[in-house]
Each structure stands twice: as structure tokens, then as C-alpha cells.
Amino acid sequence: MRVPILPTLVVAAAIATMIALGIWQLGRMDEKAALIARAEQALQMSAEVDYPRSPDARDEVLYRRTSVDCARVDGITTVAGTSERGEKGVAQRATCRLGSGESATIDLGFSRDPAPVSWDGGMVRGTIAPGGRIVASEPIAGLEPLASPDPRDLPNNHLAYAGQWFFFALTALVIYVLALRRKATRARAD
């Protein structure tokens, strides 16, 4: 029996791609572990940083303390949130125009009431969380405190993803070998 060239090349390319994705996930696992370690160190730093104007620069100061002056509130919405005590409800989130002109998202505090609160802006001290939003250290507008951003909440499941890609590659190989065997068995029977 002859091994079909084109299907074999396609399966080999697919398996190579899956293995490469598994290796890439292993590299991402190390990168994520370093990011979490850096974020945990940032939580221990007491000095405030200026809120970066550039969204890319905000990733460099995640979990650092900052303070901003919300010169104008462009809107307030609610998103799912957790209180400092672990209760589930909503986080009241304001979109602010800062004095320097850039925009910032500020989680003002926790509430069980999903109706947006009224707040006219002002000084806010908080922690820079993923996405560049600021989680207020002290609740604003009569709200309860939100849970502080915690880098340990960042998922690092890249080892599981790598294992899945390697398993997919092995499964593709086994299925292809079984298909070739079945084809060979049928060819001998004819």
C-alpha cells in the first residue's frame, strides 16, 4: 500500500502547527508568571505613580497606586463587581475626562443597586488595574469599598493549554495512523 502524499503532508503540517502552539503556550506560561511576580511587587510599593497618558504605558504600572483629578464625568455605568467583603453586586464605573485631556475609567465603589450613582468628579486615589482602569481606594458617592485588584486573580493556565495542544497533535497522529491501517486492510481484502 502506498502512503498518500498530499493527505500525509496536510496532517503533518497540522501536527507541527499544534506542537508549535503547545511550545508557544509553554513560553507564555513563563511570561505570565513573570508578569504576576512583577505585579505582586508593584502592590508592595507605597509610592504613587502618575497615571500614564498612553494605554501601553499603563501596563507597565499595573497594581501601582495613583491619584487623578476627574475634571468632567462623561458617564457612569455599572458592571459586575465584588465588594471588599467578597459580596457580589455591581461596581459603579465612571468615565472621566482628566485635567490633562485624556480619558480614564474609574471604579468608584460597590453597590447592590444596579442604577448608576450621581457623581460630579474630583480627586480619586486608587490602584491601576488591568485594562488601565483605576479602582478607588476609598469608595466615592456613598458606595461601599470594592475588592482591591489582586494579581493572583490573573489566570496562568498556559500549561493546561499547552497540554491540550500536545494532546490534539497526538490525537491527530493516532487517527491518521488508524485511517492508514484501515485503508491498507481494505486494500488487502480487495
Protein backbone atom coordinates (compact mmCIF):
# COMPACT_ATOMS: atom_id res chain seq x y z
CA MET A 1 0.00 0.00 0.00
CA ARG A 2 1.21 3.47 -0.87
CA VAL A 3 1.01 6.28 1.66
CA PRO A 4 -0.94 9.20 0.14
CA ILE A 5 1.40 12.18 -0.16
CA LEU A 6 -0.97 15.16 -0.01
CA PRO A 7 -3.08 13.96 2.98
CA THR A 8 0.12 13.00 4.81
CA LEU A 9 1.59 16.45 4.23
CA VAL A 10 -1.62 18.12 5.43
CA VAL A 11 -1.75 16.00 8.60
CA ALA A 12 1.98 16.53 9.23
CA ALA A 13 1.55 20.30 8.86
CA ALA A 14 -1.42 20.27 11.23
CA ILE A 15 0.51 18.23 13.81
CA ALA A 16 3.55 20.52 13.51
CA THR A 17 1.31 23.55 13.99
CA MET A 18 -0.30 22.05 17.10
CA ILE A 19 3.11 21.20 18.57
CA ALA A 20 4.33 24.74 17.84
CA LEU A 21 1.25 26.15 19.58
CA GLY A 22 1.94 23.93 22.60
CA ILE A 23 5.54 25.16 22.78
CA TRP A 24 4.32 28.76 22.41
CA GLN A 25 1.93 28.24 25.35
CA LEU A 26 4.82 26.98 27.48
CA GLY A 27 6.66 30.23 26.72
CA ARG A 28 3.54 32.25 27.56
CA MET A 29 3.37 30.42 30.90
CA ASP A 30 6.79 31.78 31.85
CA GLU A 31 5.86 35.29 30.63
CA LYS A 32 2.63 35.26 32.66
CA ALA A 33 4.44 34.05 35.78
CA ALA A 34 6.90 36.96 35.41
CA LEU A 35 4.02 39.40 34.92
CA ILE A 36 2.28 38.15 38.06
CA ALA A 37 5.53 38.36 40.08
CA ARG A 38 6.10 41.94 38.84
CA ALA A 39 2.51 42.85 39.72
CA GLU A 40 2.84 41.40 43.22
CA GLN A 41 5.96 43.54 43.74
CA ALA A 42 4.07 46.60 42.50
CA LEU A 43 1.39 46.02 45.15
CA GLN A 44 4.06 46.34 47.83
CA MET A 45 5.30 49.71 46.57
CA SER A 46 3.90 52.61 48.55
CA ALA A 47 4.90 55.48 46.26
CA GLU A 48 2.23 56.76 43.90
CA VAL A 49 2.87 56.99 40.16
CA ASP A 50 1.46 59.47 37.69
CA TYR A 51 -1.40 57.99 35.71
CA PRO A 52 0.13 57.33 32.27
CA ARG A 53 -1.36 59.07 29.26
CA SER A 54 -0.59 56.17 26.93
CA PRO A 55 -2.60 52.94 27.26
CA ASP A 56 0.58 50.94 26.55
CA ALA A 57 2.39 52.65 29.43
CA ARG A 58 -0.42 51.70 31.81
CA ASP A 59 0.56 48.05 31.54
CA GLU A 60 3.97 48.97 32.97
CA VAL A 61 2.41 50.39 36.17
CA LEU A 62 -0.32 47.82 36.82
CA TYR A 63 -1.21 47.46 40.50
CA ARG A 64 0.56 50.70 41.42
CA ARG A 65 -1.19 53.43 43.38
CA THR A 66 -2.11 56.63 41.58
CA SER A 67 -4.32 59.66 42.00
CA VAL A 68 -6.18 61.58 39.34
CA ASP A 69 -8.43 64.59 39.17
CA CYS A 70 -11.63 63.79 37.32
CA ALA A 71 -12.35 67.21 35.81
CA ARG A 72 -15.50 66.08 33.99
CA VAL A 73 -17.63 62.94 34.28
CA ASP A 74 -18.57 61.74 30.80
CA GLY A 75 -20.77 58.92 32.07
CA ILE A 76 -21.39 56.37 34.80
CA THR A 77 -22.32 52.74 34.21
CA THR A 78 -22.40 49.57 36.28
CA VAL A 79 -20.51 46.33 35.74
CA ALA A 80 -20.32 43.14 37.78
CA GLY A 81 -18.27 43.75 40.89
CA THR A 82 -17.14 42.31 44.21
CA SER A 83 -17.06 44.19 47.48
CA GLU A 84 -14.12 44.27 49.86
CA ARG A 85 -16.05 41.70 51.95
CA GLY A 86 -16.47 39.34 48.98
CA GLU A 87 -20.12 40.13 48.25
CA LYS A 88 -21.30 40.09 44.65
CA GLY A 89 -23.08 43.07 43.14
CA VAL A 90 -22.06 45.92 40.86
CA ALA A 91 -19.12 48.23 40.55
CA GLN A 92 -20.10 51.79 39.74
CA ARG A 93 -17.79 52.80 36.89
CA ALA A 94 -17.21 56.38 35.75
CA THR A 95 -15.62 57.54 32.53
CA CYS A 96 -13.77 60.75 33.32
CA ARG A 97 -12.01 63.45 31.41
CA LEU A 98 -8.84 64.31 33.30
CA GLY A 99 -7.45 67.81 33.55
CA SER A 100 -4.74 66.93 31.06
CA GLY A 101 -7.36 65.96 28.48
CA GLU A 102 -7.08 62.17 28.41
CA SER A 103 -9.83 59.85 29.48
CA ALA A 104 -9.75 57.47 32.45
CA THR A 105 -12.08 54.77 33.70
CA ILE A 106 -12.61 54.78 37.45
CA ASP A 107 -14.35 52.12 39.52
CA LEU A 108 -15.92 54.31 42.20
CA GLY A 109 -17.23 51.68 44.61
CA PHE A 110 -19.54 48.73 45.21
CA SER A 111 -23.32 48.68 45.30
CA ARG A 112 -26.13 46.16 45.18
CA ASP A 113 -28.28 48.70 43.32
CA PRO A 114 -27.60 48.50 39.56
CA ALA A 115 -28.77 52.08 38.97
CA PRO A 116 -25.80 54.36 38.23
CA VAL A 117 -24.96 56.80 41.03
CA SER A 118 -24.59 60.54 40.69
CA TRP A 119 -21.05 61.90 40.97
CA ASP A 120 -19.63 65.18 39.73
CA GLY A 121 -15.95 64.21 39.71
CA GLY A 122 -12.99 65.28 41.81
CA MET A 123 -9.80 63.74 43.18
CA VAL A 124 -9.60 59.95 43.25
CA ARG A 125 -6.87 57.80 44.75
CA GLY A 126 -6.72 54.19 43.74
CA THR A 127 -4.91 51.28 42.15
CA ILE A 128 -4.29 50.86 38.43
CA ALA A 129 -5.99 47.60 37.44
CA PRO A 130 -5.85 45.57 34.22
CA GLY A 131 -7.35 47.47 31.32
CA GLY A 132 -5.97 50.72 32.72
CA ARG A 133 -8.95 51.38 34.95
CA ILE A 134 -8.46 52.85 38.40
CA VAL A 135 -10.09 51.12 41.36
CA ALA A 136 -10.77 53.74 44.02
CA SER A 137 -9.10 53.02 47.36
CA GLU A 138 -11.82 54.87 49.22
CA PRO A 139 -15.38 54.47 47.93
CA ILE A 140 -16.98 57.56 46.41
CA ALA A 141 -20.59 58.81 46.27
CA GLY A 142 -21.76 56.85 49.33
CA LEU A 143 -20.71 53.47 47.94
CA GLU A 144 -19.04 50.56 49.70
CA PRO A 145 -15.38 49.65 49.07
CA LEU A 146 -14.59 47.42 46.13
CA ALA A 147 -12.23 44.47 46.38
CA SER A 148 -8.71 45.63 45.60
CA PRO A 149 -7.22 44.40 42.34
CA ASP A 150 -5.15 41.29 43.02
CA PRO A 151 -2.56 39.92 40.56
CA ARG A 152 -3.25 36.44 41.87
CA ASP A 153 -6.60 36.72 40.08
CA LEU A 154 -4.76 36.77 36.74
CA PRO A 155 -5.12 33.31 35.23
CA ASN A 156 -1.97 31.41 34.35
CA ASN A 157 -3.42 28.31 32.73
CA HIS A 158 -0.95 28.15 29.86
CA LEU A 159 0.38 24.75 30.97
CA ALA A 160 -3.12 23.32 30.52
CA TYR A 161 -3.38 24.97 27.10
CA ALA A 162 0.00 23.51 26.10
CA GLY A 163 -1.15 20.08 27.24
CA GLN A 164 -4.29 20.43 25.13
CA TRP A 165 -2.29 21.31 22.01
CA PHE A 166 0.06 18.36 22.54
CA PHE A 167 -2.94 16.07 23.11
CA PHE A 168 -4.59 17.35 19.91
CA ALA A 169 -1.38 16.64 17.97
CA LEU A 170 -1.17 13.11 19.38
CA THR A 171 -4.85 12.52 18.64
CA ALA A 172 -4.43 13.68 15.03
CA LEU A 173 -1.45 11.36 14.61
CA VAL A 174 -3.30 8.35 16.07
CA ILE A 175 -6.40 8.98 13.95
CA TYR A 176 -4.31 9.31 10.80
CA VAL A 177 -2.35 6.11 11.52
CA LEU A 178 -5.64 4.25 12.18
CA ALA A 179 -7.07 5.61 8.91
CA LEU A 180 -3.99 4.40 7.01
CA ARG A 181 -4.25 0.95 8.63
CA ARG A 182 -7.92 0.71 7.74
CA LYS A 183 -7.16 1.69 4.14
CA ALA A 184 -4.41 -0.93 3.99
CA THR A 185 -6.74 -3.60 5.42
CA ARG A 186 -9.38 -2.79 2.80
CA ALA A 187 -6.78 -2.86 0.04
CA ARG A 188 -5.66 -6.38 1.09
CA ALA A 189 -9.26 -7.57 1.29
CA ASP A 190 -9.97 -6.47 -2.29
